[in-house]
Amino acid sequence: MLSKGKSSWRNKFIYLDHPADAKFQAFGRTLEEAFAHAALAVVSLMWEPEKVKKRQRRTVLVQGKDLEQLLFKFLSEILYLFEAKGFLLAEAEDVKIFKGENGYSLQAVFNGDNLNNNYVIFGEVKAITYHDMIIRQNEEVLIQVVVDM
């Protein structure tokens, strides 16, 4: 169920009730800003991104046949970098989305730090899902995602 009332891009994201997993809506003035806010919503389920030092920059490139697959791959990259490299995302910046003949591509810069004793991990997102995924572009952009916890 979508949240009622007047959402605004000033609210980066909100969490919605979900019986088993976590569900959120992210907002933005542009598609790129909404994707960046969705990244923050995912990591905020596991750590406090505002407390992560921005010591490392990682360029991310993903492709998808449609915007839903692009979002899925973008958010899954956060989980991969955390699990495989111990990288904690503080922010996604310079997000650029391009439409091509074969779908979409995205380039972004992830700023963050390696996991160490200074950071508290309090949750685990196991996977991004396509279940109940929404990308709506009107005066503002709304993204809705359910993640497997």
N, C-alpha and C. Protein backbone atom coordinates (compact mmCIF):
# COMPACT_ATOMS: atom_id res chain seq x y z
N MET A 1 0.83 -1.18 0.00
CA MET A 1 0.00 0.00 0.00
C MET A 1 0.88 1.24 0.00
N LEU A 2 0.59 2.17 -0.87
CA LEU A 2 1.34 3.41 -0.93
C LEU A 2 0.92 4.31 0.21
N SER A 3 1.87 5.11 0.68
CA SER A 3 1.54 6.02 1.77
C SER A 3 0.60 7.10 1.27
N LYS A 4 -0.27 7.51 2.13
CA LYS A 4 -1.23 8.56 1.80
C LYS A 4 -0.67 9.90 2.26
N GLY A 5 -1.32 10.96 1.82
CA GLY A 5 -0.88 12.27 2.26
C GLY A 5 0.12 12.85 1.29
N LYS A 6 0.70 13.92 1.68
CA LYS A 6 1.58 14.67 0.80
C LYS A 6 3.03 14.29 1.08
N SER A 7 3.56 13.38 0.30
CA SER A 7 4.97 13.06 0.42
C SER A 7 5.74 14.14 -0.32
N SER A 8 6.98 14.26 -0.01
CA SER A 8 7.79 15.28 -0.64
C SER A 8 9.20 14.76 -0.80
N TRP A 9 9.87 15.26 -1.81
CA TRP A 9 11.26 14.85 -2.02
C TRP A 9 12.12 15.25 -0.82
N ARG A 10 11.66 16.19 -0.01
CA ARG A 10 12.42 16.57 1.18
C ARG A 10 12.51 15.40 2.15
N ASN A 11 11.50 14.52 2.13
CA ASN A 11 11.58 13.26 2.86
C ASN A 11 12.32 12.30 1.95
N LYS A 12 13.53 11.95 2.31
CA LYS A 12 14.31 11.08 1.43
C LYS A 12 13.67 9.71 1.28
N PHE A 13 13.17 9.16 2.40
CA PHE A 13 12.52 7.86 2.36
C PHE A 13 11.69 7.67 3.62
N ILE A 14 10.74 6.74 3.53
CA ILE A 14 9.95 6.33 4.69
C ILE A 14 9.83 4.80 4.66
N TYR A 15 9.65 4.21 5.85
CA TYR A 15 9.42 2.77 5.93
C TYR A 15 7.93 2.53 6.09
N LEU A 16 7.44 1.48 5.45
CA LEU A 16 6.04 1.10 5.50
C LEU A 16 5.90 -0.22 6.23
N ASP A 17 4.71 -0.47 6.76
CA ASP A 17 4.46 -1.75 7.43
C ASP A 17 4.54 -2.87 6.42
N HIS A 18 5.20 -3.95 6.83
CA HIS A 18 5.26 -5.15 6.00
C HIS A 18 5.30 -6.33 6.95
N PRO A 19 4.53 -7.39 6.69
CA PRO A 19 4.42 -8.48 7.67
C PRO A 19 5.71 -9.26 7.92
N ALA A 20 6.59 -9.40 6.94
CA ALA A 20 7.76 -10.25 7.15
C ALA A 20 9.08 -9.53 6.90
N ASP A 21 9.14 -8.76 5.86
CA ASP A 21 10.39 -8.14 5.46
C ASP A 21 10.32 -6.63 5.71
N ALA A 22 11.14 -5.87 5.02
CA ALA A 22 11.10 -4.41 5.15
C ALA A 22 10.64 -3.82 3.82
N LYS A 23 9.85 -2.76 3.91
CA LYS A 23 9.31 -2.10 2.73
C LYS A 23 9.52 -0.61 2.91
N PHE A 24 9.95 0.05 1.85
CA PHE A 24 10.15 1.49 1.94
C PHE A 24 9.73 2.18 0.66
N GLN A 25 9.54 3.48 0.79
CA GLN A 25 9.35 4.35 -0.35
C GLN A 25 10.43 5.41 -0.29
N ALA A 26 11.07 5.66 -1.42
CA ALA A 26 12.09 6.71 -1.53
C ALA A 26 11.58 7.75 -2.51
N PHE A 27 11.96 9.00 -2.28
CA PHE A 27 11.44 10.11 -3.07
C PHE A 27 12.59 10.93 -3.64
N GLY A 28 12.30 11.63 -4.72
CA GLY A 28 13.29 12.53 -5.30
C GLY A 28 12.65 13.46 -6.32
N ARG A 29 13.34 14.55 -6.56
CA ARG A 29 12.89 15.47 -7.61
C ARG A 29 13.16 14.88 -8.97
N THR A 30 14.19 14.01 -9.03
CA THR A 30 14.57 13.35 -10.28
C THR A 30 14.68 11.85 -10.01
N LEU A 31 14.73 11.07 -11.07
CA LEU A 31 14.91 9.63 -10.95
C LEU A 31 16.24 9.32 -10.25
N GLU A 32 17.27 10.05 -10.61
CA GLU A 32 18.59 9.84 -10.01
C GLU A 32 18.59 10.10 -8.51
N GLU A 33 17.92 11.19 -8.11
CA GLU A 33 17.86 11.51 -6.68
C GLU A 33 17.07 10.45 -5.92
N ALA A 34 15.99 9.96 -6.51
CA ALA A 34 15.19 8.91 -5.86
C ALA A 34 15.99 7.62 -5.73
N PHE A 35 16.79 7.26 -6.74
CA PHE A 35 17.65 6.09 -6.64
C PHE A 35 18.65 6.26 -5.50
N ALA A 36 19.26 7.44 -5.38
CA ALA A 36 20.22 7.69 -4.30
C ALA A 36 19.55 7.58 -2.94
N HIS A 37 18.32 8.07 -2.83
CA HIS A 37 17.60 7.98 -1.56
C HIS A 37 17.19 6.54 -1.26
N ALA A 38 16.89 5.76 -2.29
CA ALA A 38 16.60 4.34 -2.09
C ALA A 38 17.82 3.61 -1.54
N ALA A 39 19.00 3.99 -2.02
CA ALA A 39 20.24 3.40 -1.49
C ALA A 39 20.37 3.69 0.00
N LEU A 40 20.08 4.91 0.40
CA LEU A 40 20.14 5.27 1.83
C LEU A 40 19.12 4.48 2.64
N ALA A 41 17.93 4.26 2.08
CA ALA A 41 16.91 3.50 2.79
C ALA A 41 17.39 2.07 3.04
N VAL A 42 18.04 1.46 2.05
CA VAL A 42 18.53 0.09 2.20
C VAL A 42 19.59 0.02 3.30
N VAL A 43 20.58 0.88 3.23
CA VAL A 43 21.67 0.78 4.21
C VAL A 43 21.23 1.20 5.61
N SER A 44 20.22 2.07 5.70
CA SER A 44 19.72 2.49 7.02
C SER A 44 19.04 1.35 7.77
N LEU A 45 18.74 0.27 7.08
CA LEU A 45 18.23 -0.94 7.74
C LEU A 45 19.35 -1.74 8.39
N MET A 46 20.62 -1.41 8.05
CA MET A 46 21.75 -2.19 8.54
C MET A 46 22.74 -1.39 9.39
N TRP A 47 22.94 -0.13 9.06
CA TRP A 47 23.84 0.75 9.80
C TRP A 47 23.39 2.19 9.63
N GLU A 48 24.03 3.09 10.35
CA GLU A 48 23.68 4.51 10.26
C GLU A 48 24.61 5.18 9.26
N PRO A 49 24.14 5.43 8.03
CA PRO A 49 25.02 5.96 6.99
C PRO A 49 25.62 7.33 7.34
N GLU A 50 24.91 8.12 8.12
CA GLU A 50 25.42 9.44 8.48
C GLU A 50 26.64 9.35 9.41
N LYS A 51 26.87 8.19 10.02
CA LYS A 51 28.03 8.01 10.90
C LYS A 51 29.22 7.39 10.17
N VAL A 52 29.02 6.97 8.92
CA VAL A 52 30.10 6.34 8.15
C VAL A 52 30.97 7.43 7.53
N LYS A 53 32.26 7.35 7.77
CA LYS A 53 33.20 8.31 7.20
C LYS A 53 33.32 8.06 5.70
N LYS A 54 33.52 9.13 4.96
CA LYS A 54 33.64 9.04 3.49
C LYS A 54 35.12 8.98 3.11
N ARG A 55 35.72 7.84 3.39
CA ARG A 55 37.16 7.66 3.14
C ARG A 55 37.44 7.01 1.79
N GLN A 56 36.45 6.35 1.23
CA GLN A 56 36.65 5.64 -0.04
C GLN A 56 35.55 6.02 -1.02
N ARG A 57 35.93 6.01 -2.29
CA ARG A 57 34.97 6.24 -3.37
C ARG A 57 35.02 5.03 -4.30
N ARG A 58 33.85 4.54 -4.64
CA ARG A 58 33.75 3.41 -5.56
C ARG A 58 32.78 3.78 -6.68
N THR A 59 33.24 3.65 -7.90
CA THR A 59 32.38 3.90 -9.05
C THR A 59 31.58 2.64 -9.33
N VAL A 60 30.28 2.81 -9.53
CA VAL A 60 29.38 1.70 -9.77
C VAL A 60 28.77 1.86 -11.15
N LEU A 61 28.76 0.78 -11.91
CA LEU A 61 28.13 0.75 -13.24
C LEU A 61 27.21 -0.45 -13.29
N VAL A 62 25.92 -0.23 -13.58
CA VAL A 62 24.98 -1.34 -13.73
C VAL A 62 24.11 -1.08 -14.95
N GLN A 63 23.55 -2.17 -15.49
CA GLN A 63 22.66 -2.07 -16.64
C GLN A 63 21.41 -2.90 -16.37
N GLY A 64 20.29 -2.46 -16.95
CA GLY A 64 19.05 -3.20 -16.81
C GLY A 64 18.18 -3.03 -18.04
N LYS A 65 17.37 -4.03 -18.32
CA LYS A 65 16.48 -3.96 -19.49
C LYS A 65 15.37 -2.94 -19.28
N ASP A 66 15.04 -2.67 -18.02
CA ASP A 66 14.04 -1.65 -17.68
C ASP A 66 14.46 -0.99 -16.37
N LEU A 67 13.70 0.00 -15.94
CA LEU A 67 14.07 0.73 -14.72
C LEU A 67 14.01 -0.14 -13.48
N GLU A 68 13.08 -1.09 -13.44
CA GLU A 68 12.97 -1.97 -12.28
C GLU A 68 14.22 -2.84 -12.15
N GLN A 69 14.67 -3.41 -13.26
CA GLN A 69 15.88 -4.23 -13.20
C GLN A 69 17.10 -3.37 -12.87
N LEU A 70 17.14 -2.16 -13.38
CA LEU A 70 18.23 -1.24 -13.07
C LEU A 70 18.26 -0.95 -11.57
N LEU A 71 17.12 -0.66 -10.98
CA LEU A 71 17.04 -0.40 -9.54
C LEU A 71 17.45 -1.62 -8.75
N PHE A 72 16.96 -2.79 -9.15
CA PHE A 72 17.32 -4.04 -8.49
C PHE A 72 18.84 -4.24 -8.47
N LYS A 73 19.47 -4.06 -9.62
CA LYS A 73 20.92 -4.26 -9.72
C LYS A 73 21.70 -3.20 -8.94
N PHE A 74 21.21 -1.96 -8.97
CA PHE A 74 21.85 -0.87 -8.25
C PHE A 74 21.85 -1.14 -6.75
N LEU A 75 20.68 -1.48 -6.21
CA LEU A 75 20.59 -1.75 -4.78
C LEU A 75 21.31 -3.04 -4.40
N SER A 76 21.29 -4.03 -5.28
CA SER A 76 22.01 -5.29 -5.01
C SER A 76 23.52 -5.07 -4.95
N GLU A 77 24.02 -4.08 -5.69
CA GLU A 77 25.45 -3.77 -5.66
C GLU A 77 25.89 -3.32 -4.27
N ILE A 78 25.02 -2.61 -3.56
CA ILE A 78 25.31 -2.20 -2.19
C ILE A 78 25.52 -3.42 -1.31
N LEU A 79 24.62 -4.40 -1.45
CA LEU A 79 24.72 -5.63 -0.65
C LEU A 79 25.97 -6.42 -1.01
N TYR A 80 26.28 -6.49 -2.30
CA TYR A 80 27.49 -7.20 -2.74
C TYR A 80 28.74 -6.54 -2.15
N LEU A 81 28.84 -5.24 -2.26
CA LEU A 81 30.04 -4.54 -1.74
C LEU A 81 30.19 -4.72 -0.24
N PHE A 82 29.08 -4.76 0.47
CA PHE A 82 29.14 -4.98 1.91
C PHE A 82 29.58 -6.41 2.22
N GLU A 83 28.93 -7.39 1.60
CA GLU A 83 29.23 -8.79 1.89
C GLU A 83 30.61 -9.22 1.41
N ALA A 84 30.98 -8.83 0.20
CA ALA A 84 32.24 -9.30 -0.40
C ALA A 84 33.44 -8.44 -0.04
N LYS A 85 33.23 -7.14 0.16
CA LYS A 85 34.37 -6.23 0.36
C LYS A 85 34.36 -5.53 1.71
N GLY A 86 33.29 -5.71 2.49
CA GLY A 86 33.21 -5.03 3.78
C GLY A 86 33.04 -3.52 3.64
N PHE A 87 32.43 -3.07 2.54
CA PHE A 87 32.27 -1.65 2.27
C PHE A 87 30.93 -1.16 2.81
N LEU A 88 30.98 -0.10 3.61
CA LEU A 88 29.77 0.52 4.16
C LEU A 88 29.48 1.79 3.39
N LEU A 89 28.31 1.87 2.80
CA LEU A 89 27.91 3.04 2.04
C LEU A 89 27.47 4.15 2.97
N ALA A 90 28.00 5.35 2.74
CA ALA A 90 27.55 6.55 3.45
C ALA A 90 26.60 7.35 2.57
N GLU A 91 26.89 7.38 1.27
CA GLU A 91 26.02 8.10 0.33
C GLU A 91 26.32 7.65 -1.10
N ALA A 92 25.30 7.78 -1.93
CA ALA A 92 25.45 7.58 -3.37
C ALA A 92 25.35 8.96 -4.01
N GLU A 93 26.35 9.32 -4.78
CA GLU A 93 26.32 10.63 -5.42
C GLU A 93 26.63 10.50 -6.91
N ASP A 94 26.42 11.59 -7.62
CA ASP A 94 26.66 11.64 -9.06
C ASP A 94 25.96 10.49 -9.78
N VAL A 95 24.74 10.17 -9.35
CA VAL A 95 23.96 9.12 -10.00
C VAL A 95 23.49 9.65 -11.34
N LYS A 96 23.81 8.89 -12.39
CA LYS A 96 23.40 9.26 -13.75
C LYS A 96 22.77 8.04 -14.40
N ILE A 97 21.58 8.23 -14.94
CA ILE A 97 20.85 7.15 -15.60
C ILE A 97 20.70 7.51 -17.07
N PHE A 98 21.03 6.54 -17.93
CA PHE A 98 20.98 6.74 -19.37
C PHE A 98 20.06 5.71 -19.99
N LYS A 99 19.23 6.15 -20.95
CA LYS A 99 18.39 5.22 -21.70
C LYS A 99 19.07 4.96 -23.03
N GLY A 100 19.23 3.68 -23.35
CA GLY A 100 19.86 3.29 -24.61
C GLY A 100 18.96 2.35 -25.38
N GLU A 101 19.48 1.82 -26.46
CA GLU A 101 18.72 0.91 -27.32
C GLU A 101 18.34 -0.38 -26.60
N ASN A 102 19.21 -0.85 -25.71
CA ASN A 102 18.98 -2.13 -25.04
C ASN A 102 18.53 -1.99 -23.60
N GLY A 103 18.02 -0.82 -23.23
CA GLY A 103 17.56 -0.64 -21.86
C GLY A 103 18.20 0.58 -21.22
N TYR A 104 18.58 0.41 -19.97
CA TYR A 104 19.12 1.52 -19.18
C TYR A 104 20.48 1.17 -18.60
N SER A 105 21.27 2.20 -18.39
CA SER A 105 22.53 2.03 -17.66
C SER A 105 22.61 3.12 -16.60
N LEU A 106 23.32 2.81 -15.55
CA LEU A 106 23.47 3.73 -14.42
C LEU A 106 24.92 3.78 -14.03
N GLN A 107 25.38 4.98 -13.75
CA GLN A 107 26.72 5.19 -13.20
C GLN A 107 26.55 6.04 -11.94
N ALA A 108 27.25 5.67 -10.89
CA ALA A 108 27.17 6.42 -9.63
C ALA A 108 28.49 6.28 -8.90
N VAL A 109 28.69 7.14 -7.92
CA VAL A 109 29.83 7.05 -7.02
C VAL A 109 29.30 6.75 -5.63
N PHE A 110 29.82 5.67 -5.04
CA PHE A 110 29.50 5.33 -3.67
C PHE A 110 30.61 5.86 -2.78
N ASN A 111 30.26 6.66 -1.80
CA ASN A 111 31.20 7.14 -0.80
C ASN A 111 30.95 6.37 0.47
N GLY A 112 32.05 5.96 1.13
CA GLY A 112 31.89 5.21 2.37
C GLY A 112 33.22 4.79 2.95
N ASP A 113 33.19 3.73 3.73
CA ASP A 113 34.37 3.28 4.45
C ASP A 113 34.31 1.77 4.59
N ASN A 114 35.44 1.18 4.91
CA ASN A 114 35.49 -0.25 5.19
C ASN A 114 34.97 -0.51 6.59
N LEU A 115 34.33 -1.65 6.75
CA LEU A 115 33.82 -2.06 8.04
C LEU A 115 34.97 -2.18 9.03
N ASN A 116 34.82 -1.58 10.19
CA ASN A 116 35.79 -1.70 11.27
C ASN A 116 35.05 -1.55 12.59
N ASN A 117 35.78 -1.56 13.69
CA ASN A 117 35.17 -1.52 15.02
C ASN A 117 34.48 -0.21 15.35
N ASN A 118 34.64 0.81 14.52
CA ASN A 118 33.98 2.09 14.76
C ASN A 118 32.50 2.08 14.36
N TYR A 119 32.09 1.06 13.62
CA TYR A 119 30.73 1.02 13.09
C TYR A 119 29.93 -0.12 13.70
N VAL A 120 28.65 0.15 13.93
CA VAL A 120 27.74 -0.85 14.48
C VAL A 120 26.82 -1.32 13.37
N ILE A 121 26.80 -2.63 13.14
CA ILE A 121 25.88 -3.23 12.19
C ILE A 121 24.72 -3.80 13.00
N PHE A 122 23.50 -3.34 12.74
CA PHE A 122 22.37 -3.75 13.57
C PHE A 122 21.29 -4.48 12.78
N GLY A 123 21.51 -4.72 11.51
CA GLY A 123 20.52 -5.43 10.71
C GLY A 123 21.18 -6.09 9.52
N GLU A 124 20.40 -6.94 8.85
CA GLU A 124 20.92 -7.62 7.67
C GLU A 124 19.86 -7.64 6.58
N VAL A 125 20.16 -7.00 5.48
CA VAL A 125 19.32 -7.12 4.29
C VAL A 125 19.92 -8.24 3.46
N LYS A 126 19.15 -9.30 3.27
CA LYS A 126 19.65 -10.46 2.54
C LYS A 126 19.56 -10.27 1.04
N ALA A 127 18.48 -9.61 0.59
CA ALA A 127 18.27 -9.48 -0.86
C ALA A 127 17.27 -8.37 -1.15
N ILE A 128 17.42 -7.79 -2.32
CA ILE A 128 16.44 -6.87 -2.88
C ILE A 128 15.42 -7.74 -3.63
N THR A 129 14.15 -7.38 -3.62
CA THR A 129 13.15 -8.18 -4.33
C THR A 129 12.42 -7.31 -5.36
N TYR A 130 11.78 -7.99 -6.29
CA TYR A 130 10.91 -7.32 -7.26
C TYR A 130 9.48 -7.21 -6.72
N HIS A 131 9.21 -7.91 -5.62
CA HIS A 131 7.86 -7.94 -5.05
C HIS A 131 7.40 -6.52 -4.70
N ASP A 132 6.28 -6.11 -5.25
CA ASP A 132 5.65 -4.83 -4.93
C ASP A 132 6.55 -3.63 -5.28
N MET A 133 7.48 -3.82 -6.22
CA MET A 133 8.37 -2.72 -6.63
C MET A 133 7.60 -1.74 -7.51
N ILE A 134 7.76 -0.47 -7.21
CA ILE A 134 7.10 0.59 -7.97
C ILE A 134 8.11 1.69 -8.27
N ILE A 135 8.08 2.18 -9.50
CA ILE A 135 8.82 3.40 -9.86
C ILE A 135 7.80 4.29 -10.56
N ARG A 136 7.44 5.37 -9.90
CA ARG A 136 6.43 6.29 -10.44
C ARG A 136 7.07 7.66 -10.63
N GLN A 137 6.96 8.18 -11.86
CA GLN A 137 7.53 9.49 -12.18
C GLN A 137 6.42 10.46 -12.53
N ASN A 138 6.18 11.41 -11.64
CA ASN A 138 5.22 12.49 -11.86
C ASN A 138 5.96 13.80 -11.58
N GLU A 139 5.33 14.67 -10.77
CA GLU A 139 6.02 15.91 -10.39
C GLU A 139 7.26 15.58 -9.57
N GLU A 140 7.17 14.49 -8.82
CA GLU A 140 8.31 13.95 -8.11
C GLU A 140 8.38 12.46 -8.43
N VAL A 141 9.47 11.85 -8.06
CA VAL A 141 9.64 10.42 -8.33
C VAL A 141 9.44 9.66 -7.02
N LEU A 142 8.69 8.58 -7.10
CA LEU A 142 8.47 7.68 -5.96
C LEU A 142 8.99 6.30 -6.35
N ILE A 143 9.76 5.73 -5.46
CA ILE A 143 10.26 4.36 -5.63
C ILE A 143 9.80 3.58 -4.42
N GLN A 144 9.26 2.39 -4.66
CA GLN A 144 8.88 1.51 -3.55
C GLN A 144 9.60 0.18 -3.74
N VAL A 145 10.16 -0.32 -2.64
CA VAL A 145 10.94 -1.56 -2.69
C VAL A 145 10.67 -2.37 -1.42
N VAL A 146 10.60 -3.69 -1.58
CA VAL A 146 10.56 -4.62 -0.46
C VAL A 146 11.89 -5.35 -0.47
N VAL A 147 12.52 -5.44 0.70
CA VAL A 147 13.78 -6.17 0.83
C VAL A 147 13.58 -7.36 1.75
N ASP A 148 14.34 -8.41 1.48
CA ASP A 148 14.31 -9.63 2.28
C ASP A 148 15.28 -9.45 3.44
N MET A 149 14.77 -9.53 4.66
CA MET A 149 15.60 -9.35 5.86
C MET A 149 15.94 -10.69 6.47
